Amino acid sequence: MNTDQINDLILKNISFSYYEKNNKKIILDNFNCKIKKGKFTSIIGPSGTGKSSLLKLIAGLMVPEKGEIKFENKTLIKVIDQITLIQQNPSLMPWLSVYDNIILANSNNKKTNYKNIEKLIKNIGLGEFSSYFPHKLSGGLLQRVAIARALLFCPSLLLLDEPF
């Protein structure tokens, strides 16, 4: 393998289908793609063509029927900390404030730097909303909370499934 490809995201011969009763819907069939580290890449297509499924496969939330997904020169076979997926629905805990929804992502890390969290909240435009609960926020602000929560992990790869 070319040493330039070591940190790339590589999808090789990926196949994935959904099964419902006697029907098989092929989503990906021998799909190949290489995404260079440090590049922004968009996947564009009509609804129902597998864009979200592809992101879930990369994130390790689903497993391809065949093929291989490599990231940072390692075959992905499960969810890893270096990849974070922000889904279309922000999936916030309604009983937690903005601040608590964000730090929930880091609840197992005893090295939490709360000044960095406050800086992140301010930088993403949520400073005045940190004590608000999700039902008081607009859709755009809800997505900012989900994005802040994802950024808290400092992922190497950030997957965005229509977050705006």
C-alpha atoms as a PDB file:
ATOM      1  CA  MET A   1       0.000   0.000   0.000  1.00  0.00           C
ATOM      2  CA  ASN A   2       1.195   3.471  -0.832  1.00  0.00           C
ATOM      3  CA  THR A   3       2.330   5.226   2.366  1.00  0.00           C
ATOM      4  CA  ASP A   4       0.247   8.260   1.346  1.00  0.00           C
ATOM      5  CA  GLN A   5      -2.861   6.100   1.856  1.00  0.00           C
ATOM      6  CA  ILE A   6      -2.132   5.060   5.443  1.00  0.00           C
ATOM      7  CA  ASN A   7      -4.473   7.624   7.031  1.00  0.00           C
ATOM      8  CA  ASP A   8      -7.109   7.595   4.280  1.00  0.00           C
ATOM      9  CA  LEU A   9     -10.592   6.139   4.552  1.00  0.00           C
ATOM     10  CA  ILE A  10     -10.768   3.248   2.091  1.00  0.00           C
ATOM     11  CA  LEU A  11     -13.919   1.349   1.163  1.00  0.00           C
ATOM     12  CA  LYS A  12     -13.191  -1.709  -0.935  1.00  0.00           C
ATOM     13  CA  ASN A  13     -15.852  -3.849  -2.652  1.00  0.00           C
ATOM     14  CA  ILE A  14     -18.545  -2.922  -0.099  1.00  0.00           C
ATOM     15  CA  SER A  15     -21.910  -4.629  -0.530  1.00  0.00           C
ATOM     16  CA  PHE A  16     -24.903  -4.023   1.704  1.00  0.00           C
ATOM     17  CA  SER A  17     -28.608  -4.813   1.382  1.00  0.00           C
ATOM     18  CA  TYR A  18     -31.774  -4.480   3.411  1.00  0.00           C
ATOM     19  CA  TYR A  19     -34.119  -7.422   3.647  1.00  0.00           C
ATOM     20  CA  GLU A  20     -37.859  -7.105   4.202  1.00  0.00           C
ATOM     21  CA  LYS A  21     -39.979 -10.240   4.017  1.00  0.00           C
ATOM     22  CA  ASN A  22     -39.122 -11.742   0.615  1.00  0.00           C
ATOM     23  CA  ASN A  23     -37.639  -8.561  -0.801  1.00  0.00           C
ATOM     24  CA  LYS A  24     -33.983  -7.671  -0.961  1.00  0.00           C
ATOM     25  CA  LYS A  25     -33.084  -4.029  -1.553  1.00  0.00           C
ATOM     26  CA  ILE A  26     -29.487  -3.691  -2.664  1.00  0.00           C
ATOM     27  CA  ILE A  27     -28.034  -0.486  -1.237  1.00  0.00           C
ATOM     28  CA  LEU A  28     -24.369  -0.901  -2.180  1.00  0.00           C
ATOM     29  CA  ASP A  29     -22.941  -3.411  -4.637  1.00  0.00           C
ATOM     30  CA  ASN A  30     -19.147  -3.656  -4.848  1.00  0.00           C
ATOM     31  CA  PHE A  31     -18.812   0.006  -3.863  1.00  0.00           C
ATOM     32  CA  ASN A  32     -15.261   1.383  -3.870  1.00  0.00           C
ATOM     33  CA  CYS A  33     -14.109   4.749  -2.608  1.00  0.00           C
ATOM     34  CA  LYS A  34     -11.021   6.372  -1.167  1.00  0.00           C
ATOM     35  CA  ILE A  35     -11.235   9.585   0.850  1.00  0.00           C
ATOM     36  CA  LYS A  36      -7.984  11.373   1.553  1.00  0.00           C
ATOM     37  CA  LYS A  37      -7.243  12.432   5.121  1.00  0.00           C
ATOM     38  CA  GLY A  38      -7.914  16.117   5.720  1.00  0.00           C
ATOM     39  CA  LYS A  39     -10.412  16.474   2.855  1.00  0.00           C
ATOM     40  CA  PHE A  40     -14.074  17.402   2.983  1.00  0.00           C
ATOM     41  CA  THR A  41     -16.150  14.979   0.945  1.00  0.00           C
ATOM     42  CA  SER A  42     -19.874  15.143   0.183  1.00  0.00           C
ATOM     43  CA  ILE A  43     -22.105  12.257  -0.787  1.00  0.00           C
ATOM     44  CA  ILE A  44     -25.054  13.525  -2.783  1.00  0.00           C
ATOM     45  CA  GLY A  45     -28.073  11.625  -4.027  1.00  0.00           C
ATOM     46  CA  PRO A  46     -31.842  11.263  -3.782  1.00  0.00           C
ATOM     47  CA  SER A  47     -33.572  10.027  -0.633  1.00  0.00           C
ATOM     48  CA  GLY A  48     -33.382   6.289  -0.113  1.00  0.00           C
ATOM     49  CA  THR A  49     -30.194   5.693  -2.106  1.00  0.00           C
ATOM     50  CA  GLY A  50     -28.036   4.622   0.861  1.00  0.00           C
ATOM     51  CA  LYS A  51     -26.166   7.742   1.957  1.00  0.00           C
ATOM     52  CA  SER A  52     -27.079   7.288   5.635  1.00  0.00           C
ATOM     53  CA  SER A  53     -26.456   3.539   5.406  1.00  0.00           C
ATOM     54  CA  LEU A  54     -22.981   4.193   4.019  1.00  0.00           C
ATOM     55  CA  LEU A  55     -22.185   6.532   6.920  1.00  0.00           C
ATOM     56  CA  LYS A  56     -23.460   3.970   9.429  1.00  0.00           C
ATOM     57  CA  LEU A  57     -21.245   1.322   7.826  1.00  0.00           C
ATOM     58  CA  ILE A  58     -18.207   3.613   8.118  1.00  0.00           C
ATOM     59  CA  ALA A  59     -19.106   4.454  11.728  1.00  0.00           C
ATOM     60  CA  GLY A  60     -19.296   0.740  12.563  1.00  0.00           C
ATOM     61  CA  LEU A  61     -22.987   0.838  13.464  1.00  0.00           C
ATOM     62  CA  MET A  62     -23.779  -1.639  10.679  1.00  0.00           C
ATOM     63  CA  VAL A  63     -21.688  -4.362   9.054  1.00  0.00           C
ATOM     64  CA  PRO A  64     -21.316  -4.794   5.293  1.00  0.00           C
ATOM     65  CA  GLU A  65     -22.287  -8.106   3.723  1.00  0.00           C
ATOM     66  CA  LYS A  66     -18.923  -8.149   2.019  1.00  0.00           C
ATOM     67  CA  GLY A  67     -15.969  -5.893   1.477  1.00  0.00           C
ATOM     68  CA  GLU A  68     -13.574  -4.040   3.719  1.00  0.00           C
ATOM     69  CA  ILE A  69     -13.515  -0.607   5.310  1.00  0.00           C
ATOM     70  CA  LYS A  70     -10.101   0.676   6.387  1.00  0.00           C
ATOM     71  CA  PHE A  71      -9.319   3.794   8.380  1.00  0.00           C
ATOM     72  CA  GLU A  72      -5.872   4.810   9.564  1.00  0.00           C
ATOM     73  CA  ASN A  73      -4.606   1.564   8.021  1.00  0.00           C
ATOM     74  CA  LYS A  74      -6.860  -0.600  10.221  1.00  0.00           C
ATOM     75  CA  THR A  75      -9.813  -2.674   9.106  1.00  0.00           C
ATOM     76  CA  LEU A  76     -12.966  -1.425  10.779  1.00  0.00           C
ATOM     77  CA  ILE A  77     -15.035  -4.182  12.343  1.00  0.00           C
ATOM     78  CA  LYS A  78     -16.720  -2.251  15.160  1.00  0.00           C
ATOM     79  CA  VAL A  79     -17.352   1.242  16.482  1.00  0.00           C
ATOM     80  CA  ILE A  80     -14.114   3.084  17.256  1.00  0.00           C
ATOM     81  CA  ASP A  81     -13.521   6.309  19.197  1.00  0.00           C
ATOM     82  CA  GLN A  82     -11.774   8.054  16.303  1.00  0.00           C
ATOM     83  CA  ILE A  83     -14.954   8.144  14.183  1.00  0.00           C
ATOM     84  CA  THR A  84     -18.025  10.121  15.224  1.00  0.00           C
ATOM     85  CA  LEU A  85     -21.347  10.213  13.369  1.00  0.00           C
ATOM     86  CA  ILE A  86     -23.773  13.103  13.735  1.00  0.00           C
ATOM     87  CA  GLN A  87     -27.127  11.794  12.568  1.00  0.00           C
ATOM     88  CA  GLN A  88     -30.067  13.684  11.057  1.00  0.00           C
ATOM     89  CA  ASN A  89     -31.893  13.662  14.389  1.00  0.00           C
ATOM     90  CA  PRO A  90     -29.848  15.235  17.219  1.00  0.00           C
ATOM     91  CA  SER A  91     -31.055  12.615  19.772  1.00  0.00           C
ATOM     92  CA  LEU A  92     -30.685  14.752  22.886  1.00  0.00           C
ATOM     93  CA  MET A  93     -31.813  13.772  26.364  1.00  0.00           C
ATOM     94  CA  PRO A  94     -34.880  15.979  27.035  1.00  0.00           C
ATOM     95  CA  TRP A  95     -34.285  16.037  30.811  1.00  0.00           C
ATOM     96  CA  LEU A  96     -30.716  17.365  30.445  1.00  0.00           C
ATOM     97  CA  SER A  97     -29.642  20.941  29.772  1.00  0.00           C
ATOM     98  CA  VAL A  98     -27.554  21.873  26.734  1.00  0.00           C
ATOM     99  CA  TYR A  99     -24.418  21.749  28.893  1.00  0.00           C
ATOM    100  CA  ASP A 100     -25.295  18.353  30.382  1.00  0.00           C
ATOM    101  CA  ASN A 101     -26.215  16.902  26.957  1.00  0.00           C
ATOM    102  CA  ILE A 102     -22.789  17.917  25.681  1.00  0.00           C
ATOM    103  CA  ILE A 103     -20.773  16.573  28.620  1.00  0.00           C
ATOM    104  CA  LEU A 104     -22.807  13.364  28.583  1.00  0.00           C
ATOM    105  CA  ALA A 105     -20.598  12.343  25.665  1.00  0.00           C
ATOM    106  CA  ASN A 106     -17.563  12.603  27.911  1.00  0.00           C
ATOM    107  CA  SER A 107     -19.097  11.200  31.115  1.00  0.00           C
ATOM    108  CA  ASN A 108     -16.616   8.308  31.381  1.00  0.00           C
ATOM    109  CA  ASN A 109     -13.538  10.500  30.964  1.00  0.00           C
ATOM    110  CA  LYS A 110     -12.222  11.577  34.347  1.00  0.00           C
ATOM    111  CA  LYS A 111      -9.773  14.002  32.657  1.00  0.00           C
ATOM    112  CA  THR A 112     -12.555  16.330  31.518  1.00  0.00           C
ATOM    113  CA  ASN A 113     -11.353  19.900  31.165  1.00  0.00           C
ATOM    114  CA  TYR A 114     -14.481  21.918  31.897  1.00  0.00           C
ATOM    115  CA  LYS A 115     -12.882  25.150  30.634  1.00  0.00           C
ATOM    116  CA  ASN A 116     -12.473  23.508  27.222  1.00  0.00           C
ATOM    117  CA  ILE A 117     -16.133  22.452  27.286  1.00  0.00           C
ATOM    118  CA  GLU A 118     -17.241  25.991  28.109  1.00  0.00           C
ATOM    119  CA  LYS A 119     -15.021  27.336  25.309  1.00  0.00           C
ATOM    120  CA  LEU A 120     -16.514  24.814  22.857  1.00  0.00           C
ATOM    121  CA  ILE A 121     -20.049  25.799  23.891  1.00  0.00           C
ATOM    122  CA  LYS A 122     -19.230  29.475  23.384  1.00  0.00           C
ATOM    123  CA  ASN A 123     -17.442  28.907  20.042  1.00  0.00           C
ATOM    124  CA  ILE A 124     -20.337  26.934  18.591  1.00  0.00           C
ATOM    125  CA  GLY A 125     -22.765  29.724  19.533  1.00  0.00           C
ATOM    126  CA  LEU A 126     -24.494  28.055  22.472  1.00  0.00           C
ATOM    127  CA  GLY A 127     -23.068  30.180  25.314  1.00  0.00           C
ATOM    128  CA  GLU A 128     -26.314  31.878  26.254  1.00  0.00           C
ATOM    129  CA  PHE A 129     -28.253  28.612  25.890  1.00  0.00           C
ATOM    130  CA  SER A 130     -26.106  26.293  28.055  1.00  0.00           C
ATOM    131  CA  SER A 131     -28.739  26.040  30.806  1.00  0.00           C
ATOM    132  CA  TYR A 132     -31.671  25.589  28.388  1.00  0.00           C
ATOM    133  CA  PHE A 133     -33.448  22.273  27.911  1.00  0.00           C
ATOM    134  CA  PRO A 134     -33.972  20.831  24.407  1.00  0.00           C
ATOM    135  CA  HIS A 135     -37.682  21.689  24.225  1.00  0.00           C
ATOM    136  CA  LYS A 136     -36.758  25.399  24.425  1.00  0.00           C
ATOM    137  CA  LEU A 137     -34.365  25.259  21.436  1.00  0.00           C
ATOM    138  CA  SER A 138     -34.875  25.660  17.702  1.00  0.00           C
ATOM    139  CA  GLY A 139     -33.943  22.841  15.334  1.00  0.00           C
ATOM    140  CA  GLY A 140     -30.696  24.582  14.403  1.00  0.00           C
ATOM    141  CA  LEU A 141     -29.676  24.993  18.035  1.00  0.00           C
ATOM    142  CA  LEU A 142     -30.492  21.336  18.734  1.00  0.00           C
ATOM    143  CA  GLN A 143     -28.122  20.336  15.927  1.00  0.00           C
ATOM    144  CA  ARG A 144     -25.412  22.608  17.344  1.00  0.00           C
ATOM    145  CA  VAL A 145     -25.678  20.732  20.642  1.00  0.00           C
ATOM    146  CA  ALA A 146     -25.228  17.424  18.793  1.00  0.00           C
ATOM    147  CA  ILE A 147     -22.264  18.851  16.875  1.00  0.00           C
ATOM    148  CA  ALA A 148     -20.661  20.176  20.084  1.00  0.00           C
ATOM    149  CA  ARG A 149     -21.137  16.772  21.709  1.00  0.00           C
ATOM    150  CA  ALA A 150     -19.412  15.103  18.742  1.00  0.00           C
ATOM    151  CA  LEU A 151     -16.542  17.617  18.693  1.00  0.00           C
ATOM    152  CA  LEU A 152     -15.872  16.959  22.373  1.00  0.00           C
ATOM    153  CA  PHE A 153     -14.409  13.594  21.343  1.00  0.00           C
ATOM    154  CA  CYS A 154     -11.890  15.280  18.985  1.00  0.00           C
ATOM    155  CA  PRO A 155     -12.553  12.598  16.355  1.00  0.00           C
ATOM    156  CA  SER A 156     -10.141  11.924  13.517  1.00  0.00           C
ATOM    157  CA  LEU A 157     -13.139  11.431  11.216  1.00  0.00           C
ATOM    158  CA  LEU A 158     -16.408  13.326  11.608  1.00  0.00           C
ATOM    159  CA  LEU A 159     -19.360  11.945   9.627  1.00  0.00           C
ATOM    160  CA  LEU A 160     -22.280  14.333   9.140  1.00  0.00           C
ATOM    161  CA  ASP A 161     -25.632  12.896   8.016  1.00  0.00           C
ATOM    162  CA  GLU A 162     -27.576  16.006   6.956  1.00  0.00           C
ATOM    163  CA  PRO A 163     -26.863  17.825  10.233  1.00  0.00           C
ATOM    164  CA  PHE A 164     -27.847  21.257   8.945  1.00  0.00           C
END
